[in-house]
C-alpha atoms as a PDB file:
ATOM      1  CA  UNK A   1      83.011  74.449 111.674  1.00  0.00           C
ATOM      2  CA  UNK A   2      81.160  76.922 113.762  1.00  0.00           C
ATOM      3  CA  UNK A   3      78.590  78.918 111.761  1.00  0.00           C
ATOM      4  CA  UNK A   4      77.109  81.653 114.008  1.00  0.00           C
ATOM      5  CA  UNK A   5      74.973  84.120 112.296  1.00  0.00           C
ATOM      6  CA  UNK A   6      76.950  86.823 110.531  1.00  0.00           C
ATOM      7  CA  UNK A   7      76.233  90.260 112.315  1.00  0.00           C
ATOM      8  CA  UNK A   8      77.075  89.064 115.630  1.00  0.00           C
ATOM      9  CA  UNK A   9      80.181  90.291 117.313  1.00  0.00           C
ATOM     10  CA  UNK A  10      81.667  86.840 117.832  1.00  0.00           C
ATOM     11  CA  UNK A  11      81.307  85.703 114.093  1.00  0.00           C
ATOM     12  CA  UNK A  12      84.066  83.039 113.458  1.00  0.00           C
ATOM     13  CA  UNK A  13      84.691  80.364 110.900  1.00  0.00           C
ATOM     14  CA  UNK A  14      87.126  77.438 111.087  1.00  0.00           C
ATOM     15  CA  UNK A  15      88.558  77.837 114.499  1.00  0.00           C
ATOM     16  CA  UNK A  16      85.915  75.851 116.483  1.00  0.00           C
ATOM     17  CA  UNK A  17      83.628  76.166 119.529  1.00  0.00           C
ATOM     18  CA  UNK A  18      86.489  75.586 121.843  1.00  0.00           C
ATOM     19  CA  UNK A  19      87.707  79.024 121.258  1.00  0.00           C
ATOM     20  CA  UNK A  20      85.945  81.443 123.630  1.00  0.00           C
ATOM     21  CA  UNK A  21      85.791  85.223 123.365  1.00  0.00           C
ATOM     22  CA  UNK A  22      88.953  86.796 124.731  1.00  0.00           C
ATOM     23  CA  UNK A  23      88.552  90.169 126.586  1.00  0.00           C
ATOM     24  CA  UNK A  24      90.048  92.856 124.266  1.00  0.00           C
ATOM     25  CA  UNK A  25      90.861  95.346 126.763  1.00  0.00           C
ATOM     26  CA  UNK A  26      93.081  92.673 128.665  1.00  0.00           C
ATOM     27  CA  UNK A  27      94.942  91.862 125.429  1.00  0.00           C
ATOM     28  CA  UNK A  28      96.164  95.283 124.104  1.00  0.00           C
ATOM     29  CA  UNK A  29      96.719  97.414 127.099  1.00  0.00           C
ATOM     30  CA  UNK A  30      99.528  99.437 125.341  1.00  0.00           C
ATOM     31  CA  UNK A  31     100.712  99.992 121.854  1.00  0.00           C
ATOM     32  CA  UNK A  32     103.767 101.762 120.877  1.00  0.00           C
ATOM     33  CA  UNK A  33     105.192 102.311 117.257  1.00  0.00           C
ATOM     34  CA  UNK A  34     108.545 100.750 117.102  1.00  0.00           C
ATOM     35  CA  UNK A  35     109.828 101.588 113.468  1.00  0.00           C
ATOM     36  CA  UNK A  36     109.185 101.213 109.903  1.00  0.00           C
ATOM     37  CA  UNK A  37     111.458  98.425 108.431  1.00  0.00           C
ATOM     38  CA  UNK A  38     112.472  98.165 104.616  1.00  0.00           C
ATOM     39  CA  UNK A  39     114.696  95.131 104.773  1.00  0.00           C
ATOM     40  CA  UNK A  40     115.939  92.404 106.890  1.00  0.00           C
ATOM     41  CA  UNK A  41     118.804  94.563 108.128  1.00  0.00           C
ATOM     42  CA  UNK A  42     116.143  97.174 109.508  1.00  0.00           C
ATOM     43  CA  UNK A  43     113.735  94.693 111.438  1.00  0.00           C
ATOM     44  CA  UNK A  44     113.502  95.144 115.305  1.00  0.00           C
ATOM     45  CA  UNK A  45     116.027  93.306 117.384  1.00  0.00           C
ATOM     46  CA  UNK A  46     113.318  92.442 120.132  1.00  0.00           C
ATOM     47  CA  UNK A  47     113.039  88.715 120.643  1.00  0.00           C
ATOM     48  CA  UNK A  48     109.167  88.673 120.615  1.00  0.00           C
ATOM     49  CA  UNK A  49     106.755  86.765 118.777  1.00  0.00           C
ATOM     50  CA  UNK A  50     105.364  88.489 115.749  1.00  0.00           C
ATOM     51  CA  UNK A  51     101.652  88.784 114.422  1.00  0.00           C
ATOM     52  CA  UNK A  52     101.542  89.966 110.636  1.00  0.00           C
ATOM     53  CA  UNK A  53      98.677  91.497 108.904  1.00  0.00           C
ATOM     54  CA  UNK A  54      98.999  91.521 104.838  1.00  0.00           C
ATOM     55  CA  UNK A  55      96.472  92.045 102.163  1.00  0.00           C
ATOM     56  CA  UNK A  56      95.674  93.727  98.996  1.00  0.00           C
ATOM     57  CA  UNK A  57      96.085  97.451  98.646  1.00  0.00           C
ATOM     58  CA  UNK A  58      92.359  98.049  99.049  1.00  0.00           C
ATOM     59  CA  UNK A  59      91.315  95.278 101.438  1.00  0.00           C
ATOM     60  CA  UNK A  60      90.528  97.721 104.293  1.00  0.00           C
ATOM     61  CA  UNK A  61      93.632  96.587 106.296  1.00  0.00           C
ATOM     62  CA  UNK A  62      94.351  99.848 107.981  1.00  0.00           C
ATOM     63  CA  UNK A  63      90.607 100.104 109.217  1.00  0.00           C
ATOM     64  CA  UNK A  64      90.715  96.448 110.333  1.00  0.00           C
ATOM     65  CA  UNK A  65      94.006  97.138 112.336  1.00  0.00           C
ATOM     66  CA  UNK A  66      92.332 100.203 114.061  1.00  0.00           C
ATOM     67  CA  UNK A  67      89.279  98.307 114.804  1.00  0.00           C
ATOM     68  CA  UNK A  68      91.249  95.336 116.345  1.00  0.00           C
ATOM     69  CA  UNK A  69      93.512  97.565 118.378  1.00  0.00           C
ATOM     70  CA  UNK A  70      90.828  99.886 119.633  1.00  0.00           C
ATOM     71  CA  UNK A  71      92.967 102.865 118.515  1.00  0.00           C
ATOM     72  CA  UNK A  72      91.323 105.370 116.047  1.00  0.00           C
ATOM     73  CA  UNK A  73      94.475 105.876 114.049  1.00  0.00           C
ATOM     74  CA  UNK A  74      96.828 102.876 114.834  1.00  0.00           C
ATOM     75  CA  UNK A  75      97.356 102.289 110.993  1.00  0.00           C
ATOM     76  CA  UNK A  76      96.845 105.210 108.619  1.00  0.00           C
ATOM     77  CA  UNK A  77      93.957 104.635 106.497  1.00  0.00           C
ATOM     78  CA  UNK A  78      94.398 106.516 103.147  1.00  0.00           C
ATOM     79  CA  UNK A  79      92.027 106.881 100.222  1.00  0.00           C
ATOM     80  CA  UNK A  80      95.234 106.205  98.031  1.00  0.00           C
ATOM     81  CA  UNK A  81      95.728 102.356  97.784  1.00  0.00           C
ATOM     82  CA  UNK A  82      99.250 101.182  98.536  1.00  0.00           C
ATOM     83  CA  UNK A  83     100.217 104.256 100.839  1.00  0.00           C
ATOM     84  CA  UNK A  84     102.017 101.687 103.375  1.00  0.00           C
ATOM     85  CA  UNK A  85     105.228 101.188 101.747  1.00  0.00           C
ATOM     86  CA  UNK A  86     107.363  99.565 104.799  1.00  0.00           C
ATOM     87  CA  UNK A  87     106.786  96.901 107.411  1.00  0.00           C
ATOM     88  CA  UNK A  88     105.366  99.031 110.399  1.00  0.00           C
ATOM     89  CA  UNK A  89     106.278  97.483 113.687  1.00  0.00           C
ATOM     90  CA  UNK A  90     104.088  98.202 116.810  1.00  0.00           C
ATOM     91  CA  UNK A  91     105.122  96.677 120.355  1.00  0.00           C
ATOM     92  CA  UNK A  92     101.882  95.726 122.087  1.00  0.00           C
ATOM     93  CA  UNK A  93     101.668  94.953 125.915  1.00  0.00           C
ATOM     94  CA  UNK A  94     105.176  95.943 126.841  1.00  0.00           C
ATOM     95  CA  UNK A  95     106.165  94.125 130.071  1.00  0.00           C
ATOM     96  CA  UNK A  96     103.477  91.941 130.354  1.00  0.00           C
ATOM     97  CA  UNK A  97     103.665  88.162 130.498  1.00  0.00           C
ATOM     98  CA  UNK A  98     105.291  86.387 127.491  1.00  0.00           C
ATOM     99  CA  UNK A  99     101.758  85.030 126.014  1.00  0.00           C
ATOM    100  CA  UNK A 100     100.611  88.752 126.092  1.00  0.00           C
ATOM    101  CA  UNK A 101     103.567  90.644 124.735  1.00  0.00           C
ATOM    102  CA  UNK A 102     104.433  90.856 120.974  1.00  0.00           C
ATOM    103  CA  UNK A 103     104.987  92.744 117.838  1.00  0.00           C
ATOM    104  CA  UNK A 104     102.136  93.538 115.594  1.00  0.00           C
ATOM    105  CA  UNK A 105     103.505  93.992 112.057  1.00  0.00           C
ATOM    106  CA  UNK A 106     101.664  95.772 109.438  1.00  0.00           C
ATOM    107  CA  UNK A 107     102.931  94.769 105.957  1.00  0.00           C
ATOM    108  CA  UNK A 108     102.714  96.905 102.969  1.00  0.00           C
ATOM    109  CA  UNK A 109      99.605  96.211 100.610  1.00  0.00           C
ATOM    110  CA  UNK A 110      99.961  94.432  97.448  1.00  0.00           C
ATOM    111  CA  UNK A 111      98.424  94.477  94.043  1.00  0.00           C
ATOM    112  CA  UNK A 112      98.733  98.271  93.491  1.00  0.00           C
ATOM    113  CA  UNK A 113      99.069  99.017  89.861  1.00  0.00           C
ATOM    114  CA  UNK A 114     101.513 101.980  90.258  1.00  0.00           C
ATOM    115  CA  UNK A 115     104.055 100.141  92.050  1.00  0.00           C
ATOM    116  CA  UNK A 116     107.015  99.401  89.742  1.00  0.00           C
ATOM    117  CA  UNK A 117     108.201  95.755  88.963  1.00  0.00           C
ATOM    118  CA  UNK A 118     111.436  96.624  90.801  1.00  0.00           C
ATOM    119  CA  UNK A 119     109.909  97.649  93.953  1.00  0.00           C
ATOM    120  CA  UNK A 120     107.508  94.682  93.871  1.00  0.00           C
ATOM    121  CA  UNK A 121     110.129  92.198  93.387  1.00  0.00           C
ATOM    122  CA  UNK A 122     112.175  93.896  96.411  1.00  0.00           C
ATOM    123  CA  UNK A 123     108.933  93.633  98.506  1.00  0.00           C
ATOM    124  CA  UNK A 124     108.271  90.133  97.523  1.00  0.00           C
ATOM    125  CA  UNK A 125     112.039  89.031  98.483  1.00  0.00           C
ATOM    126  CA  UNK A 126     111.597  90.909 101.745  1.00  0.00           C
ATOM    127  CA  UNK A 127     108.397  89.250 102.541  1.00  0.00           C
ATOM    128  CA  UNK A 128     109.778  85.774 101.809  1.00  0.00           C
ATOM    129  CA  UNK A 129     112.837  86.505 103.824  1.00  0.00           C
ATOM    130  CA  UNK A 130     110.717  87.967 106.791  1.00  0.00           C
ATOM    131  CA  UNK A 131     108.410  84.703 106.921  1.00  0.00           C
ATOM    132  CA  UNK A 132     111.481  82.516 106.609  1.00  0.00           C
ATOM    133  CA  UNK A 133     113.763  84.367 109.105  1.00  0.00           C
ATOM    134  CA  UNK A 134     116.479  84.518 106.566  1.00  0.00           C
ATOM    135  CA  UNK A 135     119.608  86.348 107.662  1.00  0.00           C
ATOM    136  CA  UNK A 136     117.937  87.216 110.990  1.00  0.00           C
ATOM    137  CA  UNK A 137     119.568  86.030 114.249  1.00  0.00           C
ATOM    138  CA  UNK A 138     117.407  83.611 115.969  1.00  0.00           C
ATOM    139  CA  UNK A 139     115.581  82.944 112.777  1.00  0.00           C
ATOM    140  CA  UNK A 140     111.680  83.528 112.277  1.00  0.00           C
ATOM    141  CA  UNK A 141     109.925  85.056 114.981  1.00  0.00           C
ATOM    142  CA  UNK A 142     106.682  84.927 113.173  1.00  0.00           C
ATOM    143  CA  UNK A 143     103.871  83.622 115.337  1.00  0.00           C
ATOM    144  CA  UNK A 144     100.757  84.328 113.213  1.00  0.00           C
ATOM    145  CA  UNK A 145     100.212  85.605 109.646  1.00  0.00           C
ATOM    146  CA  UNK A 146      96.634  87.108 109.276  1.00  0.00           C
ATOM    147  CA  UNK A 147      95.965  87.097 105.308  1.00  0.00           C
ATOM    148  CA  UNK A 148      93.286  89.753 104.505  1.00  0.00           C
ATOM    149  CA  UNK A 149      90.960  89.099 101.543  1.00  0.00           C
ATOM    150  CA  UNK A 150      88.082  91.098 100.656  1.00  0.00           C
ATOM    151  CA  UNK A 151      84.873  89.066 101.444  1.00  0.00           C
ATOM    152  CA  UNK A 152      82.652  90.721  98.897  1.00  0.00           C
ATOM    153  CA  UNK A 153      84.619  89.283  95.996  1.00  0.00           C
ATOM    154  CA  UNK A 154      86.922  86.479  97.407  1.00  0.00           C
ATOM    155  CA  UNK A 155      90.325  85.869  96.417  1.00  0.00           C
ATOM    156  CA  UNK A 156      92.055  87.304  93.099  1.00  0.00           C
ATOM    157  CA  UNK A 157      95.382  86.166  91.405  1.00  0.00           C
ATOM    158  CA  UNK A 158      97.593  88.399  93.777  1.00  0.00           C
ATOM    159  CA  UNK A 159      95.792  86.842  96.914  1.00  0.00           C
ATOM    160  CA  UNK A 160      96.711  83.432  95.690  1.00  0.00           C
ATOM    161  CA  UNK A 161     100.235  84.285  94.937  1.00  0.00           C
ATOM    162  CA  UNK A 162     100.397  85.346  98.629  1.00  0.00           C
ATOM    163  CA  UNK A 163      98.984  82.272  99.840  1.00  0.00           C
ATOM    164  CA  UNK A 164     101.543  80.234  97.887  1.00  0.00           C
ATOM    165  CA  UNK A 165     104.432  82.656  99.125  1.00  0.00           C
ATOM    166  CA  UNK A 166     103.478  81.787 102.750  1.00  0.00           C
ATOM    167  CA  UNK A 167     103.033  78.015 102.354  1.00  0.00           C
ATOM    168  CA  UNK A 168     106.249  77.618 100.580  1.00  0.00           C
ATOM    169  CA  UNK A 169     108.284  80.052 103.172  1.00  0.00           C
ATOM    170  CA  UNK A 170     106.735  78.857 106.231  1.00  0.00           C
ATOM    171  CA  UNK A 171     107.693  75.148 105.618  1.00  0.00           C
ATOM    172  CA  UNK A 172     110.132  75.259 108.463  1.00  0.00           C
ATOM    173  CA  UNK A 173     108.779  78.038 110.794  1.00  0.00           C
ATOM    174  CA  UNK A 174     105.524  76.667 112.310  1.00  0.00           C
ATOM    175  CA  UNK A 175     103.715  79.914 111.988  1.00  0.00           C
ATOM    176  CA  UNK A 176      99.813  79.832 111.916  1.00  0.00           C
ATOM    177  CA  UNK A 177      98.181  81.106 108.843  1.00  0.00           C
ATOM    178  CA  UNK A 178      94.468  82.452 108.970  1.00  0.00           C
ATOM    179  CA  UNK A 179      92.443  83.898 106.223  1.00  0.00           C
ATOM    180  CA  UNK A 180      90.378  87.017 107.304  1.00  0.00           C
ATOM    181  CA  UNK A 181      87.375  87.821 105.114  1.00  0.00           C
ATOM    182  CA  UNK A 182      87.028  91.894 105.376  1.00  0.00           C
ATOM    183  CA  UNK A 183      84.296  94.165 104.801  1.00  0.00           C
ATOM    184  CA  UNK A 184      81.385  91.646 105.714  1.00  0.00           C
ATOM    185  CA  UNK A 185      78.921  93.969 107.465  1.00  0.00           C
ATOM    186  CA  UNK A 186      75.529  93.276 108.071  1.00  0.00           C
ATOM    187  CA  UNK A 187      74.197  94.462 104.945  1.00  0.00           C
ATOM    188  CA  UNK A 188      76.318  92.255 102.582  1.00  0.00           C
ATOM    189  CA  UNK A 189      77.329  89.348 104.848  1.00  0.00           C
ATOM    190  CA  UNK A 190      74.393  87.087 104.180  1.00  0.00           C
ATOM    191  CA  UNK A 191      74.739  87.352 100.476  1.00  0.00           C
ATOM    192  CA  UNK A 192      78.491  87.042 100.182  1.00  0.00           C
ATOM    193  CA  UNK A 193      79.726  85.000 103.142  1.00  0.00           C
ATOM    194  CA  UNK A 194      79.080  81.550 101.663  1.00  0.00           C
ATOM    195  CA  UNK A 195      80.459  82.356  98.349  1.00  0.00           C
ATOM    196  CA  UNK A 196      83.470  84.237  99.799  1.00  0.00           C
ATOM    197  CA  UNK A 197      84.341  80.925 102.031  1.00  0.00           C
ATOM    198  CA  UNK A 198      83.959  78.603  99.194  1.00  0.00           C
ATOM    199  CA  UNK A 199      86.069  80.813  97.000  1.00  0.00           C
ATOM    200  CA  UNK A 200      88.877  81.006  99.690  1.00  0.00           C
ATOM    201  CA  UNK A 201      88.837  77.393 100.184  1.00  0.00           C
ATOM    202  CA  UNK A 202      89.338  76.804  96.501  1.00  0.00           C
ATOM    203  CA  UNK A 203      92.047  79.428  96.406  1.00  0.00           C
ATOM    204  CA  UNK A 204      93.944  77.760  99.338  1.00  0.00           C
ATOM    205  CA  UNK A 205      93.606  74.296  97.420  1.00  0.00           C
ATOM    206  CA  UNK A 206      94.980  75.891  94.243  1.00  0.00           C
ATOM    207  CA  UNK A 207      97.989  77.345  96.207  1.00  0.00           C
ATOM    208  CA  UNK A 208      98.913  73.900  97.326  1.00  0.00           C
ATOM    209  CA  UNK A 209      97.657  73.516 100.909  1.00  0.00           C
ATOM    210  CA  UNK A 210      97.098  70.112 101.832  1.00  0.00           C
ATOM    211  CA  UNK A 211      94.771  71.120 104.558  1.00  0.00           C
ATOM    212  CA  UNK A 212      92.850  73.647 102.602  1.00  0.00           C
ATOM    213  CA  UNK A 213      89.512  72.655 104.198  1.00  0.00           C
ATOM    214  CA  UNK A 214      91.176  73.033 107.666  1.00  0.00           C
ATOM    215  CA  UNK A 215      92.622  76.522 107.477  1.00  0.00           C
ATOM    216  CA  UNK A 216      90.923  78.848 109.895  1.00  0.00           C
ATOM    217  CA  UNK A 217      88.627  81.499 108.161  1.00  0.00           C
ATOM    218  CA  UNK A 218      87.349  84.494 110.092  1.00  0.00           C
ATOM    219  CA  UNK A 219      84.687  86.781 108.896  1.00  0.00           C
ATOM    220  CA  UNK A 220      85.091  90.510 109.751  1.00  0.00           C
ATOM    221  CA  UNK A 221      83.816  93.993 109.388  1.00  0.00           C
ATOM    222  CA  UNK A 222      85.623  96.940 110.732  1.00  0.00           C
ATOM    223  CA  UNK A 223      82.467  99.175 110.447  1.00  0.00           C
ATOM    224  CA  UNK A 224      80.447  97.059 112.661  1.00  0.00           C
ATOM    225  CA  UNK A 225      83.526  95.369 114.504  1.00  0.00           C
ATOM    226  CA  UNK A 226      82.380  91.781 113.473  1.00  0.00           C
ATOM    227  CA  UNK A 227      85.213  89.242 113.936  1.00  0.00           C
ATOM    228  CA  UNK A 228      87.386  91.372 116.458  1.00  0.00           C
ATOM    229  CA  UNK A 229      87.052  88.936 119.408  1.00  0.00           C
ATOM    230  CA  UNK A 230      87.677  86.132 116.928  1.00  0.00           C
ATOM    231  CA  UNK A 231      90.883  87.627 115.598  1.00  0.00           C
ATOM    232  CA  UNK A 232      92.061  88.485 119.178  1.00  0.00           C
ATOM    233  CA  UNK A 233      91.078  84.757 120.246  1.00  0.00           C
ATOM    234  CA  UNK A 234      93.411  83.593 117.160  1.00  0.00           C
ATOM    235  CA  UNK A 235      96.317  85.674 118.295  1.00  0.00           C
ATOM    236  CA  UNK A 236      96.042  84.682 121.832  1.00  0.00           C
ATOM    237  CA  UNK A 237      96.274  80.959 120.837  1.00  0.00           C
ATOM    238  CA  UNK A 238      99.240  81.694 118.365  1.00  0.00           C
ATOM    239  CA  UNK A 239     101.014  83.379 121.134  1.00  0.00           C
ATOM    240  CA  UNK A 240     100.701  80.548 123.612  1.00  0.00           C
ATOM    241  CA  UNK A 241     101.798  78.014 120.861  1.00  0.00           C
ATOM    242  CA  UNK A 242     104.689  80.255 120.199  1.00  0.00           C
ATOM    243  CA  UNK A 243     105.805  80.456 123.769  1.00  0.00           C
ATOM    244  CA  UNK A 244     105.650  76.663 124.184  1.00  0.00           C
ATOM    245  CA  UNK A 245     108.020  76.412 121.242  1.00  0.00           C
ATOM    246  CA  UNK A 246     110.625  78.509 122.695  1.00  0.00           C
END
């Protein structure tokens, strides 16, 4: 496992030294909002690989998406957790080669206390169907599932639930799963990184992953742009693998 000092812009854990920095501007030339989906029936029809971002309502997902995309307002950052209530789709690199064109999916934040039980059940059902490709022509199009976890505190109950949901739903799809530890800026990374990685590994083991020591973990900070290149390298690799499976 590669362990470069936190604070450098290419911090990455678990992917390995063979992954080189991918030039950001070459991978995200255009980004267009497609639609917000609330059910399988409302998902986009484009036959493109999908890269999904998911995490707790206060994990900093919107800020991370804005940092990764290089757009100031790609994802709406709100002071109210749980603001995103639909699967927001963005078409990235329209018309470029297959290994560069994809759909970015911003999933609703989970764990927000004010969401009703009925809404939470609907969200969990939709998430499961989205991963599996249930009732979707051509099946699952998911290439990469980026699970964001607050690096200052490590995984909590709902994070472990999401790990388990993905493992069970992804048994036949072949999508890659990566943990992204958020909010690890220069001020707190040295203190929290080791503890957060160990907690994430233990959570993966608890969630039933046989390869819990091999799941890639990326340290990130939207404020200092730590992890941006590593996330892009992961996306690039996942898109190439997805293309080969088609």
